[in-house]
Amino acid sequence: MSLPPVEIPLGAIRFNSDSHKLEYWNGDIWMQVHTDSAPGLGGKAFRAGSGSGGTIIETFNIATGGTAIDTGFDLSTGIHAAAAAGSRTRAIQAGGRSSAGAPWGQQNVIQYFEMASLSNSIDFGDMTSASGRHDAHSNQTRMITGGGQSNNDLMNLITISSTGNASDFGNLTVGREGTSAAGSPTRAIWAGGNTNPGTETSVNTIDYVTISTTGNASDFGDLTNNRYFSGGMCNTVRAAWAQGYIVPSGAQKTIDYVTIASTGNAMDFGDAEQTRYGPGKFSSPTRCGFFGGYSPTTYINQIDINVKSDSTKFGDLSATGNYICGHTDVHGGIV
């Protein structure tokens, strides 16, 4: 039932009628897609950090809505615009910007906290180079960062269950800052960005990789408009990007979406209630959302990612923020 490998696009999905399993093509062989659930988890979301090197960690329950609660714990290194992802248990913040460091305050530190047993963040290791204004997606095993300031096209690979330094994964198709990531357990996708820091040139580029491999990203398609610093959300089927910044018109309230297993241009999902950029984000199989953003706000938006519509209010953060790290224990890469 197999096809000649030359005819199979990277990341293609098939149902194997012999094994009765869903499989994907990793470029060399068909790999089984694991679709195990995450029973007993609370469906919690976390906000970490903020503009100007904030350290706050707060949490809220995805099922209930309302106001987030300050956990009383903090990031050991205050950062904003970091790459945030993780597993069902571990939340990781890679790089970012602070008030000190490499040019523009970029950091190479990787830090993490356990979502079930909270503490101040713990040192994980270092990125291959200092980077900020980038983003990451993960499955239960691997986290991949992409992009960054100074037209950075680097992707770093982090093994979530261990600690240690990141390694090189490959390169995005276009170097850029302000990317926003989402995806499934199989694919990681980066959308949008700014290719010309200083004068600023926003782009609509969407890239993707197969998480289980290493190598350069491939073109997925385009967003409906050129923008950067949007909030990426996902379940295992859809990825969506909300808000963002367009040069020269400013902050946006656009929400786009794609079907993760395919490739092609994004389609309109609806609109956010506010025009902002630089939000944090959270995801679950149904309810996804984005929070904070510039100008700094406490507002938390929500959508049902399975139903195209405008966002509605979920609740509020306990403190305002922008360029925030967002984490969940039930996001689209791990459920």
Foldseek 3Di string as FASTA:
>chain_A
DDDPLVPFDALAWDQDPVVRFIWGHNSPDTHGDDDDADPPAQWKKWWAAFPQQFWWIWIDGLVAFAEIGTPPATAPTRFFQFAWEAALWKIKTAWHAHPDDDVRRTAFWMWMATPVDGHHIDTQEGEPDGFGQWYWYAARFWIWIAAGPPLFFWIWIDGHVHGYYTDTQEGEPTHFGQWEWAAALFKIKTAWGWRDPPLTAIFFWMWMHGGVHGYYTDTQEGEPDGWGQWYWADARFKIKTAWGAHPPPGIAFWIWMDGRSHGYYTDGQEGEPDRFGQWEWAYAQFKIWTAAGPVWFFWIWIGGRVHRYYTDTRYGYPDTRGSIYMYTSHGRNYD
